[in-house]
Full PDB file with SEQRES, HELIX, SHEET, SSBOND, CRYST1, ORIGX, SCALE, CONECT and MASTER records, all heavy atoms in Angstrom:
SEQRES   1 A   37  VAL ASN ASN ASN ASN GLN SER ALA LYS THR ASN THR ALA          
SEQRES   2 A   37  THR ALA THR ASN ASP ALA ASP PRO LEU ALA ASP ILE LYS          
SEQRES   3 A   37  SER ARG LEU ARG SER GLY ASP THR ALA GLY ILE                  
HELIX    1 AA1 ASN A    2  ALA A   19  1                                  18    
HELIX    2 AA2 ALA A   23  SER A   31  1                                   9    
CRYST1    1.000    1.000    1.000  90.00  90.00  90.00 P 1           1          
ORIGX1      1.000000  0.000000  0.000000        0.00000                         
ORIGX2      0.000000  1.000000  0.000000        0.00000                         
ORIGX3      0.000000  0.000000  1.000000        0.00000                         
SCALE1      1.000000  0.000000  0.000000        0.00000                         
SCALE2      0.000000  1.000000  0.000000        0.00000                         
SCALE3      0.000000  0.000000  1.000000        0.00000                         
ATOM      1  N   VAL A   1      10.300  -9.738 -12.091  1.00  0.00           N  
ATOM      2  CA  VAL A   1      10.923  -8.457 -11.761  1.00  0.00           C  
ATOM      3  C   VAL A   1      10.269  -7.333 -12.545  1.00  0.00           C  
ATOM      4  O   VAL A   1       9.961  -6.266 -12.015  1.00  0.00           O  
ATOM      5  CB  VAL A   1      12.438  -8.513 -12.059  1.00  0.00           C  
ATOM      6  CG1 VAL A   1      13.052  -7.135 -11.919  1.00  0.00           C  
ATOM      7  CG2 VAL A   1      13.109  -9.487 -11.119  1.00  0.00           C  
ATOM      8  N   ASN A   2      10.048  -7.594 -13.872  1.00  0.00           N  
ATOM      9  CA  ASN A   2       9.424  -6.574 -14.695  1.00  0.00           C  
ATOM     10  C   ASN A   2       8.028  -6.246 -14.210  1.00  0.00           C  
ATOM     11  O   ASN A   2       7.614  -5.083 -14.193  1.00  0.00           O  
ATOM     12  CB  ASN A   2       9.367  -7.026 -16.160  1.00  0.00           C  
ATOM     13  CG  ASN A   2      10.737  -7.023 -16.802  1.00  0.00           C  
ATOM     14  OD1 ASN A   2      11.643  -6.344 -16.329  1.00  0.00           O  
ATOM     15  ND2 ASN A   2      10.903  -7.778 -17.880  1.00  0.00           N  
ATOM     16  N   ASN A   3       7.289  -7.300 -13.836  1.00  0.00           N  
ATOM     17  CA  ASN A   3       5.944  -7.071 -13.315  1.00  0.00           C  
ATOM     18  C   ASN A   3       5.982  -6.256 -12.036  1.00  0.00           C  
ATOM     19  O   ASN A   3       5.154  -5.366 -11.808  1.00  0.00           O  
ATOM     20  CB  ASN A   3       5.228  -8.404 -13.059  1.00  0.00           C  
ATOM     21  CG  ASN A   3       4.820  -9.076 -14.356  1.00  0.00           C  
ATOM     22  OD1 ASN A   3       4.678  -8.413 -15.377  1.00  0.00           O  
ATOM     23  ND2 ASN A   3       4.638 -10.383 -14.321  1.00  0.00           N  
ATOM     24  N   ASN A   4       6.991  -6.568 -11.183  1.00  0.00           N  
ATOM     25  CA  ASN A   4       7.129  -5.808  -9.943  1.00  0.00           C  
ATOM     26  C   ASN A   4       7.458  -4.350 -10.220  1.00  0.00           C  
ATOM     27  O   ASN A   4       6.934  -3.439  -9.585  1.00  0.00           O  
ATOM     28  CB  ASN A   4       8.210  -6.429  -9.051  1.00  0.00           C  
ATOM     29  CG  ASN A   4       7.766  -7.765  -8.471  1.00  0.00           C  
ATOM     30  OD1 ASN A   4       6.569  -8.023  -8.377  1.00  0.00           O  
ATOM     31  ND2 ASN A   4       8.722  -8.603  -8.094  1.00  0.00           N  
ATOM     32  N   ASN A   5       8.379  -4.153 -11.217  1.00  0.00           N  
ATOM     33  CA  ASN A   5       8.751  -2.784 -11.573  1.00  0.00           C  
ATOM     34  C   ASN A   5       7.563  -2.028 -12.134  1.00  0.00           C  
ATOM     35  O   ASN A   5       7.337  -0.862 -11.827  1.00  0.00           O  
ATOM     36  CB  ASN A   5       9.893  -2.784 -12.601  1.00  0.00           C  
ATOM     37  CG  ASN A   5      11.204  -3.228 -11.985  1.00  0.00           C  
ATOM     38  OD1 ASN A   5      11.381  -3.167 -10.774  1.00  0.00           O  
ATOM     39  ND2 ASN A   5      12.132  -3.675 -12.813  1.00  0.00           N  
ATOM     40  N   GLN A   6       6.800  -2.731 -13.022  1.00  0.00           N  
ATOM     41  CA  GLN A   6       5.634  -2.099 -13.614  1.00  0.00           C  
ATOM     42  C   GLN A   6       4.615  -1.746 -12.547  1.00  0.00           C  
ATOM     43  O   GLN A   6       3.974  -0.704 -12.566  1.00  0.00           O  
ATOM     44  CB  GLN A   6       5.013  -3.051 -14.664  1.00  0.00           C  
ATOM     45  CG  GLN A   6       3.865  -2.424 -15.452  1.00  0.00           C  
ATOM     46  CD  GLN A   6       4.348  -1.258 -16.276  1.00  0.00           C  
ATOM     47  OE1 GLN A   6       5.444  -1.273 -16.823  1.00  0.00           O  
ATOM     48  NE2 GLN A   6       3.545  -0.214 -16.348  1.00  0.00           N  
ATOM     49  N   SER A   7       4.494  -2.669 -11.603  1.00  0.00           N  
ATOM     50  CA  SER A   7       3.551  -2.442 -10.507  1.00  0.00           C  
ATOM     51  C   SER A   7       3.958  -1.232  -9.689  1.00  0.00           C  
ATOM     52  O   SER A   7       3.133  -0.411  -9.295  1.00  0.00           O  
ATOM     53  CB  SER A   7       3.556  -3.674  -9.622  1.00  0.00           C  
ATOM     54  OG  SER A   7       2.343  -3.891  -9.053  1.00  0.00           O  
ATOM     55  N   ALA A   8       5.289  -1.132  -9.462  1.00  0.00           N  
ATOM     56  CA  ALA A   8       5.795   0.000  -8.686  1.00  0.00           C  
ATOM     57  C   ALA A   8       5.548   1.307  -9.428  1.00  0.00           C  
ATOM     58  O   ALA A   8       5.154   2.312  -8.840  1.00  0.00           O  
ATOM     59  CB  ALA A   8       7.290  -0.178  -8.409  1.00  0.00           C  
ATOM     60  N   LYS A   9       5.793   1.272 -10.772  1.00  0.00           N  
ATOM     61  CA  LYS A   9       5.566   2.475 -11.558  1.00  0.00           C  
ATOM     62  C   LYS A   9       4.097   2.868 -11.528  1.00  0.00           C  
ATOM     63  O   LYS A   9       3.745   4.038 -11.426  1.00  0.00           O  
ATOM     64  CB  LYS A   9       6.014   2.250 -13.016  1.00  0.00           C  
ATOM     65  CG  LYS A   9       7.520   2.162 -13.184  1.00  0.00           C  
ATOM     66  CD  LYS A   9       7.874   1.906 -14.628  1.00  0.00           C  
ATOM     67  CE  LYS A   9       9.387   1.771 -14.817  1.00  0.00           C  
ATOM     68  NZ  LYS A   9       9.742   1.465 -16.209  1.00  0.00           N  
ATOM     69  N   THR A  10       3.235   1.865 -11.670  1.00  0.00           N  
ATOM     70  CA  THR A  10       1.800   2.140 -11.646  1.00  0.00           C  
ATOM     71  C   THR A  10       1.391   2.741 -10.322  1.00  0.00           C  
ATOM     72  O   THR A  10       0.621   3.703 -10.247  1.00  0.00           O  
ATOM     73  CB  THR A  10       1.009   0.846 -11.901  1.00  0.00           C  
ATOM     74  OG1 THR A  10       1.403   0.314 -13.158  1.00  0.00           O  
ATOM     75  CG2 THR A  10      -0.490   1.105 -11.903  1.00  0.00           C  
ATOM     76  N   ASN A  11       1.935   2.159  -9.231  1.00  0.00           N  
ATOM     77  CA  ASN A  11       1.601   2.669  -7.903  1.00  0.00           C  
ATOM     78  C   ASN A  11       2.090   4.096  -7.725  1.00  0.00           C  
ATOM     79  O   ASN A  11       1.421   4.939  -7.135  1.00  0.00           O  
ATOM     80  CB  ASN A  11       2.201   1.773  -6.814  1.00  0.00           C  
ATOM     81  CG  ASN A  11       1.517   0.412  -6.771  1.00  0.00           C  
ATOM     82  OD1 ASN A  11       0.378   0.281  -7.207  1.00  0.00           O  
ATOM     83  ND2 ASN A  11       2.211  -0.589  -6.257  1.00  0.00           N  
ATOM     84  N   THR A  12       3.327   4.372  -8.265  1.00  0.00           N  
ATOM     85  CA  THR A  12       3.870   5.725  -8.166  1.00  0.00           C  
ATOM     86  C   THR A  12       3.017   6.707  -8.942  1.00  0.00           C  
ATOM     87  O   THR A  12       2.714   7.803  -8.479  1.00  0.00           O  
ATOM     88  CB  THR A  12       5.315   5.757  -8.710  1.00  0.00           C  
ATOM     89  OG1 THR A  12       6.100   4.837  -7.957  1.00  0.00           O  
ATOM     90  CG2 THR A  12       5.907   7.153  -8.612  1.00  0.00           C  
ATOM     91  N   ALA A  13       2.627   6.270 -10.191  1.00  0.00           N  
ATOM     92  CA  ALA A  13       1.793   7.148 -11.014  1.00  0.00           C  
ATOM     93  C   ALA A  13       0.452   7.401 -10.356  1.00  0.00           C  
ATOM     94  O   ALA A  13      -0.068   8.515 -10.356  1.00  0.00           O  
ATOM     95  CB  ALA A  13       1.593   6.529 -12.401  1.00  0.00           C  
ATOM     96  N   THR A  14      -0.098   6.343  -9.758  1.00  0.00           N  
ATOM     97  CA  THR A  14      -1.385   6.489  -9.075  1.00  0.00           C  
ATOM     98  C   THR A  14      -1.270   7.450  -7.908  1.00  0.00           C  
ATOM     99  O   THR A  14      -2.121   8.317  -7.700  1.00  0.00           O  
ATOM    100  CB  THR A  14      -1.883   5.125  -8.581  1.00  0.00           C  
ATOM    101  OG1 THR A  14      -1.997   4.248  -9.695  1.00  0.00           O  
ATOM    102  CG2 THR A  14      -3.221   5.254  -7.887  1.00  0.00           C  
ATOM    103  N   ALA A  15      -0.173   7.293  -7.143  1.00  0.00           N  
ATOM    104  CA  ALA A  15       0.036   8.182  -6.000  1.00  0.00           C  
ATOM    105  C   ALA A  15       0.187   9.624  -6.470  1.00  0.00           C  
ATOM    106  O   ALA A  15      -0.349  10.554  -5.862  1.00  0.00           O  
ATOM    107  CB  ALA A  15       1.265   7.746  -5.211  1.00  0.00           C  
ATOM    108  N   THR A  16       0.934   9.816  -7.587  1.00  0.00           N  
ATOM    109  CA  THR A  16       1.130  11.164  -8.122  1.00  0.00           C  
ATOM    110  C   THR A  16      -0.191  11.759  -8.570  1.00  0.00           C  
ATOM    111  O   THR A  16      -0.492  12.925  -8.306  1.00  0.00           O  
ATOM    112  CB  THR A  16       2.121  11.129  -9.307  1.00  0.00           C  
ATOM    113  OG1 THR A  16       3.358  10.596  -8.848  1.00  0.00           O  
ATOM    114  CG2 THR A  16       2.344  12.524  -9.869  1.00  0.00           C  
ATOM    115  N   ASN A  17      -0.980  10.932  -9.282  1.00  0.00           N  
ATOM    116  CA  ASN A  17      -2.253  11.417  -9.770  1.00  0.00           C  
ATOM    117  C   ASN A  17      -3.218  11.714  -8.621  1.00  0.00           C  
ATOM    118  O   ASN A  17      -4.041  12.617  -8.706  1.00  0.00           O  
ATOM    119  CB  ASN A  17      -2.873  10.406 -10.739  1.00  0.00           C  
ATOM    120  CG  ASN A  17      -2.122  10.365 -12.059  1.00  0.00           C  
ATOM    121  OD1 ASN A  17      -1.477  11.335 -12.420  1.00  0.00           O  
ATOM    122  ND2 ASN A  17      -2.193   9.257 -12.764  1.00  0.00           N  
ATOM    123  N   ASP A  18      -3.125  10.889  -7.560  1.00  0.00           N  
ATOM    124  CA  ASP A  18      -3.955  11.159  -6.397  1.00  0.00           C  
ATOM    125  C   ASP A  18      -3.575  12.495  -5.773  1.00  0.00           C  
ATOM    126  O   ASP A  18      -4.429  13.257  -5.318  1.00  0.00           O  
ATOM    127  CB  ASP A  18      -3.810  10.035  -5.355  1.00  0.00           C  
ATOM    128  CG  ASP A  18      -4.504   8.761  -5.812  1.00  0.00           C  
ATOM    129  OD1 ASP A  18      -5.347   8.852  -6.736  1.00  0.00           O  
ATOM    130  OD2 ASP A  18      -4.197   7.684  -5.267  1.00  0.00           O  
ATOM    131  N   ALA A  19      -2.260  12.785  -5.748  1.00  0.00           N  
ATOM    132  CA  ALA A  19      -1.795  14.040  -5.169  1.00  0.00           C  
ATOM    133  C   ALA A  19      -2.170  15.219  -6.061  1.00  0.00           C  
ATOM    134  O   ALA A  19      -2.559  16.273  -5.582  1.00  0.00           O  
ATOM    135  CB  ALA A  19      -0.287  13.988  -4.953  1.00  0.00           C  
ATOM    136  N   ASP A  20      -2.053  15.058  -7.360  1.00  0.00           N  
ATOM    137  CA  ASP A  20      -2.392  16.110  -8.315  1.00  0.00           C  
ATOM    138  C   ASP A  20      -2.918  15.462  -9.587  1.00  0.00           C  
ATOM    139  O   ASP A  20      -2.144  14.973 -10.406  1.00  0.00           O  
ATOM    140  CB  ASP A  20      -1.163  16.964  -8.615  1.00  0.00           C  
ATOM    141  CG  ASP A  20      -1.496  18.151  -9.524  1.00  0.00           C  
ATOM    142  OD1 ASP A  20      -2.665  18.264  -9.936  1.00  0.00           O  
ATOM    143  OD2 ASP A  20      -0.597  18.952  -9.811  1.00  0.00           O  
ATOM    144  N   PRO A  21      -4.221  15.434  -9.796  1.00  0.00           N  
ATOM    145  CA  PRO A  21      -4.780  14.789 -10.990  1.00  0.00           C  
ATOM    146  C   PRO A  21      -4.378  15.469 -12.290  1.00  0.00           C  
ATOM    147  O   PRO A  21      -4.549  14.900 -13.366  1.00  0.00           O  
ATOM    148  CB  PRO A  21      -6.305  14.897 -10.762  1.00  0.00           C  
ATOM    149  CG  PRO A  21      -6.478  16.018  -9.788  1.00  0.00           C  
ATOM    150  CD  PRO A  21      -5.260  15.981  -8.916  1.00  0.00           C  
ATOM    151  N   LEU A  22      -3.817  16.675 -12.197  1.00  0.00           N  
ATOM    152  CA  LEU A  22      -3.376  17.399 -13.395  1.00  0.00           C  
ATOM    153  C   LEU A  22      -1.872  17.273 -13.614  1.00  0.00           C  
ATOM    154  O   LEU A  22      -1.308  17.984 -14.442  1.00  0.00           O  
ATOM    155  CB  LEU A  22      -3.756  18.875 -13.269  1.00  0.00           C  
ATOM    156  CG  LEU A  22      -5.257  19.171 -13.108  1.00  0.00           C  
ATOM    157  CD1 LEU A  22      -5.476  20.661 -12.878  1.00  0.00           C  
ATOM    158  CD2 LEU A  22      -6.033  18.702 -14.329  1.00  0.00           C  
ATOM    159  N   ALA A  23      -1.230  16.347 -12.896  1.00  0.00           N  
ATOM    160  CA  ALA A  23       0.234  16.220 -12.974  1.00  0.00           C  
ATOM    161  C   ALA A  23       0.698  15.910 -14.392  1.00  0.00           C  
ATOM    162  O   ALA A  23       1.719  16.437 -14.852  1.00  0.00           O  
ATOM    163  CB  ALA A  23       0.712  15.139 -12.010  1.00  0.00           C  
ATOM    164  N   ASP A  24      -0.021  15.048 -15.103  1.00  0.00           N  
ATOM    165  CA  ASP A  24       0.395  14.689 -16.460  1.00  0.00           C  
ATOM    166  C   ASP A  24       0.304  15.887 -17.399  1.00  0.00           C  
ATOM    167  O   ASP A  24       1.217  16.135 -18.199  1.00  0.00           O  
ATOM    168  CB  ASP A  24      -0.470  13.538 -16.987  1.00  0.00           C  
ATOM    169  CG  ASP A  24      -0.079  13.123 -18.396  1.00  0.00           C  
ATOM    170  OD1 ASP A  24       1.076  12.692 -18.570  1.00  0.00           O  
ATOM    171  OD2 ASP A  24      -0.903  13.240 -19.321  1.00  0.00           O  
ATOM    172  N   ILE A  25      -0.770  16.641 -17.298  1.00  0.00           N  
ATOM    173  CA  ILE A  25      -0.920  17.834 -18.137  1.00  0.00           C  
ATOM    174  C   ILE A  25       0.188  18.834 -17.833  1.00  0.00           C  
ATOM    175  O   ILE A  25       0.800  19.412 -18.746  1.00  0.00           O  
ATOM    176  CB  ILE A  25      -2.304  18.473 -17.910  1.00  0.00           C  
ATOM    177  CG1 ILE A  25      -3.401  17.572 -18.490  1.00  0.00           C  
ATOM    178  CG2 ILE A  25      -2.377  19.866 -18.538  1.00  0.00           C  
ATOM    179  CD1 ILE A  25      -4.808  18.073 -18.254  1.00  0.00           C  
ATOM    180  N   LYS A  26       0.485  19.035 -16.569  1.00  0.00           N  
ATOM    181  CA  LYS A  26       1.524  19.989 -16.189  1.00  0.00           C  
ATOM    182  C   LYS A  26       2.897  19.545 -16.685  1.00  0.00           C  
ATOM    183  O   LYS A  26       3.713  20.368 -17.114  1.00  0.00           O  
ATOM    184  CB  LYS A  26       1.522  20.173 -14.674  1.00  0.00           C  
ATOM    185  CG  LYS A  26       0.270  20.861 -14.145  1.00  0.00           C  
ATOM    186  CD  LYS A  26       0.283  20.985 -12.627  1.00  0.00           C  
ATOM    187  CE  LYS A  26      -0.974  21.695 -12.125  1.00  0.00           C  
ATOM    188  NZ  LYS A  26      -1.002  21.820 -10.656  1.00  0.00           N  
ATOM    189  N   SER A  27       3.136  18.235 -16.616  1.00  0.00           N  
ATOM    190  CA  SER A  27       4.404  17.712 -17.122  1.00  0.00           C  
ATOM    191  C   SER A  27       4.543  17.975 -18.620  1.00  0.00           C  
ATOM    192  O   SER A  27       5.624  18.334 -19.104  1.00  0.00           O  
ATOM    193  CB  SER A  27       4.493  16.216 -16.832  1.00  0.00           C  
ATOM    194  OG  SER A  27       5.647  15.649 -17.408  1.00  0.00           O  
ATOM    195  N   ARG A  28       3.456  17.819 -19.356  1.00  0.00           N  
ATOM    196  CA  ARG A  28       3.502  18.062 -20.798  1.00  0.00           C  
ATOM    197  C   ARG A  28       3.658  19.547 -21.113  1.00  0.00           C  
ATOM    198  O   ARG A  28       4.291  19.909 -22.107  1.00  0.00           O  
ATOM    199  CB  ARG A  28       2.251  17.481 -21.451  1.00  0.00           C  
ATOM    200  CG  ARG A  28       2.192  15.955 -21.365  1.00  0.00           C  
ATOM    201  CD  ARG A  28       0.920  15.388 -21.940  1.00  0.00           C  
ATOM    202  NE  ARG A  28       0.817  15.646 -23.359  1.00  0.00           N  
ATOM    203  CZ  ARG A  28      -0.235  15.329 -24.104  1.00  0.00           C  
ATOM    204  NH1 ARG A  28      -1.279  14.735 -23.540  1.00  0.00           N  
ATOM    205  NH2 ARG A  28      -0.253  15.577 -25.398  1.00  0.00           N  
ATOM    206  N   LEU A  29       3.122  20.395 -20.284  1.00  0.00           N  
ATOM    207  CA  LEU A  29       3.330  21.830 -20.471  1.00  0.00           C  
ATOM    208  C   LEU A  29       4.794  22.196 -20.265  1.00  0.00           C  
ATOM    209  O   LEU A  29       5.321  23.099 -20.926  1.00  0.00           O  
ATOM    210  CB  LEU A  29       2.454  22.619 -19.502  1.00  0.00           C  
ATOM    211  CG  LEU A  29       0.956  22.671 -19.826  1.00  0.00           C  
ATOM    212  CD1 LEU A  29       0.169  23.215 -18.639  1.00  0.00           C  
ATOM    213  CD2 LEU A  29       0.693  23.516 -21.068  1.00  0.00           C  
ATOM    214  N   ARG A  30       5.447  21.498 -19.369  1.00  0.00           N  
ATOM    215  CA  ARG A  30       6.868  21.762 -19.128  1.00  0.00           C  
ATOM    216  C   ARG A  30       7.735  21.247 -20.277  1.00  0.00           C  
ATOM    217  O   ARG A  30       8.734  21.864 -20.631  1.00  0.00           O  
ATOM    218  CB  ARG A  30       7.299  21.131 -17.806  1.00  0.00           C  
ATOM    219  CG  ARG A  30       6.653  21.773 -16.588  1.00  0.00           C  
ATOM    220  CD  ARG A  30       7.144  21.164 -15.279  1.00  0.00           C  
ATOM    221  NE  ARG A  30       6.511  21.822 -14.132  1.00  0.00           N  
ATOM    222  CZ  ARG A  30       5.476  21.339 -13.482  1.00  0.00           C  
ATOM    223  NH1 ARG A  30       4.977  20.158 -13.819  1.00  0.00           N  
ATOM    224  NH2 ARG A  30       4.940  21.999 -12.478  1.00  0.00           N  
ATOM    225  N   SER A  31       7.360  20.094 -20.828  1.00  0.00           N  
ATOM    226  CA  SER A  31       8.172  19.487 -21.887  1.00  0.00           C  
ATOM    227  C   SER A  31       7.865  20.056 -23.264  1.00  0.00           C  
ATOM    228  O   SER A  31       8.646  19.890 -24.197  1.00  0.00           O  
ATOM    229  CB  SER A  31       7.953  17.969 -21.904  1.00  0.00           C  
ATOM    230  OG  SER A  31       6.632  17.657 -22.331  1.00  0.00           O  
ATOM    231  N   GLY A  32       6.706  20.697 -23.407  1.00  0.00           N  
ATOM    232  CA  GLY A  32       6.303  21.203 -24.718  1.00  0.00           C  
ATOM    233  C   GLY A  32       5.516  20.194 -25.531  1.00  0.00           C  
ATOM    234  O   GLY A  32       5.123  20.485 -26.664  1.00  0.00           O  
ATOM    235  N   ASP A  33       5.262  19.007 -24.967  1.00  0.00           N  
ATOM    236  CA  ASP A  33       4.470  17.977 -25.650  1.00  0.00           C  
ATOM    237  C   ASP A  33       2.993  18.240 -25.365  1.00  0.00           C  
ATOM    238  O   ASP A  33       2.386  17.607 -24.505  1.00  0.00           O  
ATOM    239  CB  ASP A  33       4.888  16.590 -25.139  1.00  0.00           C  
ATOM    240  CG  ASP A  33       4.028  15.469 -25.716  1.00  0.00           C  
ATOM    241  OD1 ASP A  33       3.450  15.668 -26.800  1.00  0.00           O  
ATOM    242  OD2 ASP A  33       3.942  14.397 -25.083  1.00  0.00           O  
ATOM    243  N   THR A  34       2.412  19.185 -26.100  1.00  0.00           N  
ATOM    244  CA  THR A  34       1.089  19.686 -25.734  1.00  0.00           C  
ATOM    245  C   THR A  34      -0.014  19.313 -26.714  1.00  0.00           C  
ATOM    246  O   THR A  34      -1.130  19.826 -26.603  1.00  0.00           O  
ATOM    247  CB  THR A  34       1.135  21.216 -25.609  1.00  0.00           C  
ATOM    248  OG1 THR A  34       1.580  21.779 -26.859  1.00  0.00           O  
ATOM    249  CG2 THR A  34       2.082  21.649 -24.497  1.00  0.00           C  
ATOM    250  N   ALA A  35       0.252  18.419 -27.648  1.00  0.00           N  
ATOM    251  CA  ALA A  35      -0.754  18.084 -28.657  1.00  0.00           C  
ATOM    252  C   ALA A  35      -2.001  17.499 -28.001  1.00  0.00           C  
ATOM    253  O   ALA A  35      -1.946  16.499 -27.306  1.00  0.00           O  
ATOM    254  CB  ALA A  35      -0.179  17.080 -29.663  1.00  0.00           C  
ATOM    255  N   GLY A  36      -3.122  18.167 -28.225  1.00  0.00           N  
ATOM    256  CA  GLY A  36      -4.412  17.641 -27.799  1.00  0.00           C  
ATOM    257  C   GLY A  36      -4.744  17.770 -26.329  1.00  0.00           C  
ATOM    258  O   GLY A  36      -5.701  17.155 -25.856  1.00  0.00           O  
ATOM    259  N   ILE A  37      -3.991  18.576 -25.548  1.00  0.00           N  
ATOM    260  CA  ILE A  37      -4.260  18.575 -24.100  1.00  0.00           C  
ATOM    261  C   ILE A  37      -5.374  19.547 -23.687  1.00  0.00           C  
ATOM    262  O   ILE A  37      -5.887  19.456 -22.585  1.00  0.00           O  
ATOM    263  CB  ILE A  37      -2.993  18.876 -23.282  1.00  0.00           C  
ATOM    264  CG1 ILE A  37      -2.466  20.285 -23.547  1.00  0.00           C  
ATOM    265  CG2 ILE A  37      -1.915  17.856 -23.553  1.00  0.00           C  
ATOM    266  CD1 ILE A  37      -1.307  20.658 -22.639  1.00  0.00           C  
TER     267      ILE A  37                                                      
MASTER        0    0    0    2    0    0    0    6  266    1    0    3          
END                                                                             
């Protein structure tokens, strides 16, 4: 189950990154977690 969940998360992250490769950076700008970006 955990592997399936991890796989689903990975697939979701991949899909998100495919849609917007800067999604992680933008998320960190929203949260304020900006060290080293």
